[in-house]
Amino acid sequence: MIDLHTHSLLSDGVLVPSELVRRAAVKGYTAIAITDHADSSNIDFIVPRVARAAEELTKLLPMKVIPGIEITHVPPAGIARLVKEARALGAKLVVVHGETLVEPVIPGTNRAAIMSGADILSHPGLISKADAALAARKGVHLEISARKGHSLSNGHVAKMAGLTGAKLVINTDSHEPGDLITLEFARKVLEAAGMDRKGVEDTLQNSRRIVDRIFGG
């Protein structure tokens, strides 16, 4: 299992990075990104600390730990600047909190995230075909979410990706131990989104490619 969207107690998760990684390892994870919530108030605090933990854990454990960030509820006009700042601070993976059905995310956030050059647009809700096509052109991955609530639009996201060629990843958006999943369950979530066997395996492979790009392998 590769999971590119999780949270520690550096934002609203409940575990320190070391325990989050340990519990993921028990679930069979081979790679995990720690992507705590950030805006302009805390991005300079979170990214360096996650980067330090990720570097140490990757050296000491048989798992690849990626320092990341999830830019969350930032007005669309401010997203691009924070994506750039996150990378300068050491984030190897930038996620932007998309227009989920279950939170009052500002309309236009999906498009701003895609235009900003983020790596992943998380739980993008009822993303438009035009924005999905833009994500395909820009190489921004759309997320299929295993998290309650955010997962309500998985079928729509998968459909838009199928129509436009946008690449998908599956993530948990974990905040506590019970949110982590096995690879077998990840496949079931993808199947429930209406994907055939090839689509499921392609989606899983997309996550592997992101990890390989980050670690140069």
Protein backbone atom coordinates (compact mmCIF):
# COMPACT_ATOMS: atom_id res chain seq x y z
CA MET A 1 0.00 0.00 0.00
CA ILE A 2 1.17 3.49 -0.88
CA ASP A 3 -0.66 6.38 0.76
CA LEU A 4 0.10 9.93 -0.30
CA HIS A 5 -2.29 11.82 2.00
CA THR A 6 -2.11 11.43 5.80
CA HIS A 7 -2.07 13.67 8.86
CA SER A 8 -0.09 13.68 12.11
CA LEU A 9 -0.62 15.68 15.29
CA LEU A 10 1.27 18.51 13.64
CA SER A 11 -2.19 19.39 12.32
CA ASP A 12 -5.40 17.54 13.21
CA GLY A 13 -4.15 13.95 13.31
CA VAL A 14 -3.63 12.11 16.60
CA LEU A 15 -0.22 10.44 16.13
CA VAL A 16 3.34 11.70 16.01
CA PRO A 17 4.94 10.89 12.64
CA SER A 18 6.91 7.93 14.05
CA GLU A 19 3.79 6.18 15.32
CA LEU A 20 1.84 6.98 12.16
CA VAL A 21 4.59 5.36 10.11
CA ARG A 22 4.82 2.35 12.43
CA ARG A 23 1.09 1.71 12.28
CA ALA A 24 1.19 2.06 8.50
CA ALA A 25 4.00 -0.48 8.32
CA VAL A 26 1.87 -2.98 10.22
CA LYS A 27 -0.86 -2.48 7.59
CA GLY A 28 1.63 -3.41 4.88
CA TYR A 29 2.54 0.05 3.63
CA THR A 30 5.72 0.48 1.60
CA ALA A 31 5.50 4.28 1.32
CA ILE A 32 3.59 7.05 3.03
CA ALA A 33 3.41 10.82 2.71
CA ILE A 34 2.73 12.98 5.75
CA THR A 35 0.69 15.91 4.48
CA ASP A 36 -0.53 17.96 7.39
CA HIS A 37 -3.00 20.79 6.90
CA ALA A 38 -1.47 24.20 6.31
CA ASP A 39 -2.13 27.76 5.30
CA SER A 40 0.05 30.86 5.58
CA SER A 41 -0.11 30.73 9.38
CA ASN A 42 1.73 27.44 9.90
CA ILE A 43 3.33 26.21 6.68
CA ASP A 44 6.79 27.34 7.81
CA PHE A 45 6.35 25.43 11.08
CA ILE A 46 5.01 22.16 9.68
CA VAL A 47 7.08 21.46 6.57
CA PRO A 48 10.58 21.54 8.14
CA ARG A 49 9.47 19.32 11.03
CA VAL A 50 7.79 16.77 8.79
CA ALA A 51 10.85 16.83 6.50
CA ARG A 52 13.17 16.13 9.43
CA ALA A 53 11.04 13.23 10.65
CA ALA A 54 10.63 11.79 7.16
CA GLU A 55 14.37 11.84 6.49
CA GLU A 56 15.16 10.06 9.74
CA LEU A 57 12.40 7.46 9.43
CA THR A 58 13.31 6.62 5.84
CA LYS A 59 16.90 5.98 6.92
CA LEU A 60 15.95 3.83 9.91
CA LEU A 61 12.99 1.84 8.57
CA PRO A 62 12.22 -0.24 5.47
CA MET A 63 9.64 2.30 4.34
CA LYS A 64 9.80 5.44 2.24
CA VAL A 65 8.43 8.43 4.13
CA ILE A 66 7.65 11.54 2.09
CA PRO A 67 7.51 15.03 3.58
CA GLY A 68 4.46 16.78 2.23
CA ILE A 69 1.75 19.28 3.00
CA GLU A 70 -1.95 19.73 2.33
CA ILE A 71 -2.80 23.35 1.55
CA THR A 72 -6.23 23.63 3.09
CA HIS A 73 -9.11 26.10 2.66
CA VAL A 74 -6.77 28.75 1.29
CA PRO A 75 -8.53 31.25 -1.00
CA PRO A 76 -7.85 30.31 -4.64
CA ALA A 77 -5.75 33.41 -5.30
CA GLY A 78 -3.31 32.41 -2.54
CA ILE A 79 -2.75 28.77 -3.45
CA ALA A 80 0.04 29.15 -6.03
CA ARG A 81 2.22 31.16 -3.66
CA LEU A 82 1.88 28.57 -0.90
CA VAL A 83 2.63 25.69 -3.28
CA LYS A 84 5.87 27.44 -4.19
CA GLU A 85 6.68 28.19 -0.55
CA ALA A 86 6.01 24.60 0.51
CA ARG A 87 8.49 23.28 -2.04
CA ALA A 88 11.11 25.83 -0.99
CA LEU A 89 10.69 24.69 2.63
CA GLY A 90 11.29 21.05 1.73
CA ALA A 91 7.93 19.53 0.82
CA LYS A 92 8.47 16.76 -1.71
CA LEU A 93 4.74 16.32 -2.29
CA VAL A 94 2.13 19.08 -2.35
CA VAL A 95 -1.53 18.23 -1.95
CA VAL A 96 -4.28 20.83 -2.20
CA HIS A 97 -7.57 20.32 -0.35
CA GLY A 98 -10.16 20.14 -3.10
CA GLU A 99 -13.84 20.99 -3.33
CA THR A 100 -15.17 18.07 -1.29
CA LEU A 101 -18.93 17.76 -0.95
CA VAL A 102 -18.79 17.78 2.84
CA GLU A 103 -16.96 21.06 3.52
CA PRO A 104 -17.57 24.66 2.37
CA VAL A 105 -14.50 24.90 0.13
CA ILE A 106 -14.44 28.07 -1.98
CA PRO A 107 -15.54 27.43 -5.58
CA GLY A 108 -12.58 27.73 -7.92
CA THR A 109 -10.22 25.96 -5.52
CA ASN A 110 -9.95 22.91 -7.79
CA ARG A 111 -8.86 24.98 -10.78
CA ALA A 112 -6.47 27.11 -8.73
CA ALA A 113 -4.86 23.97 -7.32
CA ILE A 114 -4.37 22.51 -10.77
CA MET A 115 -2.95 25.73 -12.16
CA SER A 116 -0.58 26.04 -9.19
CA GLY A 117 1.30 22.87 -10.11
CA ALA A 118 0.32 20.87 -7.05
CA ASP A 119 1.00 17.14 -7.23
CA ILE A 120 -2.40 15.93 -6.02
CA LEU A 121 -5.84 17.50 -5.84
CA SER A 122 -7.46 15.74 -2.90
CA HIS A 123 -11.15 14.80 -2.79
CA PRO A 124 -12.13 17.17 -5.65
CA GLY A 125 -15.87 16.63 -5.25
CA LEU A 126 -17.95 17.30 -8.35
CA ILE A 127 -14.95 18.35 -10.39
CA SER A 128 -15.90 19.65 -13.82
CA LYS A 129 -14.88 17.91 -17.00
CA ALA A 130 -12.94 21.05 -17.98
CA ASP A 131 -10.95 21.03 -14.75
CA ALA A 132 -10.29 17.29 -15.03
CA ALA A 133 -9.00 17.84 -18.56
CA LEU A 134 -6.79 20.64 -17.26
CA ALA A 135 -5.44 18.29 -14.59
CA ALA A 136 -4.63 15.76 -17.30
CA ARG A 137 -2.68 18.38 -19.25
CA LYS A 138 -0.86 19.69 -16.18
CA GLY A 139 -0.02 16.27 -14.77
CA VAL A 140 -1.94 16.84 -11.54
CA HIS A 141 -3.34 13.64 -10.02
CA LEU A 142 -6.93 13.50 -8.82
CA GLU A 143 -7.65 11.65 -5.60
CA ILE A 144 -9.98 8.76 -4.96
CA SER A 145 -10.54 8.96 -1.22
CA ALA A 146 -11.06 6.17 1.29
CA ARG A 147 -12.22 8.70 3.89
CA LYS A 148 -15.83 8.86 4.97
CA GLY A 149 -17.64 11.83 3.46
CA HIS A 150 -14.93 12.72 0.97
CA SER A 151 -15.53 9.37 -0.71
CA LEU A 152 -19.08 10.34 -1.71
CA SER A 153 -17.88 11.74 -5.03
CA ASN A 154 -15.41 8.96 -5.90
CA GLY A 155 -17.58 7.64 -8.71
CA HIS A 156 -17.85 11.07 -10.29
CA VAL A 157 -14.11 11.71 -9.99
CA ALA A 158 -13.33 8.35 -11.60
CA LYS A 159 -15.80 9.09 -14.41
CA MET A 160 -14.27 12.51 -15.14
CA ALA A 161 -10.79 10.99 -15.13
CA GLY A 162 -11.93 8.32 -17.55
CA LEU A 163 -13.38 10.93 -19.91
CA THR A 164 -10.35 13.21 -19.86
CA GLY A 165 -7.31 11.02 -19.21
CA ALA A 166 -6.56 12.59 -15.84
CA LYS A 167 -4.46 10.35 -13.62
CA LEU A 168 -5.85 9.05 -10.35
CA VAL A 169 -4.37 8.02 -7.00
CA ILE A 170 -6.06 6.45 -4.00
CA ASN A 171 -5.34 7.87 -0.54
CA THR A 172 -6.81 7.51 2.94
CA ASP A 173 -6.63 11.08 4.30
CA SER A 174 -5.86 9.33 7.59
CA HIS A 175 -6.18 11.27 10.81
CA GLU A 176 -6.10 8.35 13.27
CA PRO A 177 -5.01 4.69 13.24
CA GLY A 178 -8.37 3.31 12.16
CA ASP A 179 -8.24 5.32 8.94
CA LEU A 180 -5.27 3.38 7.55
CA ILE A 181 -6.20 0.63 5.08
CA THR A 182 -4.72 -2.43 3.46
CA LEU A 183 -3.92 -2.77 -0.22
CA GLU A 184 -6.78 -5.22 -0.55
CA PHE A 185 -9.24 -2.67 0.81
CA ALA A 186 -7.80 0.04 -1.46
CA ARG A 187 -8.65 -2.15 -4.44
CA LYS A 188 -12.21 -2.50 -3.16
CA VAL A 189 -12.58 1.28 -2.84
CA LEU A 190 -11.42 1.71 -6.43
CA GLU A 191 -13.78 -1.00 -7.65
CA ALA A 192 -16.63 0.69 -5.77
CA ALA A 193 -15.85 3.88 -7.70
CA GLY A 194 -16.71 1.97 -10.88
CA MET A 195 -13.21 1.12 -12.05
CA ASP A 196 -12.36 -2.09 -13.90
CA ARG A 197 -9.34 -4.22 -13.06
CA LYS A 198 -7.03 -2.29 -15.40
CA GLY A 199 -8.17 1.02 -13.95
CA VAL A 200 -7.53 -0.22 -10.43
CA GLU A 201 -4.01 -1.38 -11.22
CA ASP A 202 -3.22 1.76 -13.22
CA THR A 203 -4.28 3.89 -10.26
CA LEU A 204 -2.08 1.93 -7.87
CA GLN A 205 0.80 2.20 -10.32
CA ASN A 206 0.39 6.00 -10.47
CA SER A 207 1.22 6.17 -6.76
CA ARG A 208 4.30 3.99 -7.29
CA ARG A 209 5.48 6.33 -10.04
CA ILE A 210 5.16 9.35 -7.78
CA VAL A 211 7.23 7.64 -5.07
CA ASP A 212 9.84 6.58 -7.64
CA ARG A 213 10.06 10.14 -8.95
CA ILE A 214 10.59 11.56 -5.48
CA PHE A 215 13.24 9.00 -4.52
CA GLY A 216 14.88 8.88 -7.93
CA GLY A 217 14.17 5.28 -8.58
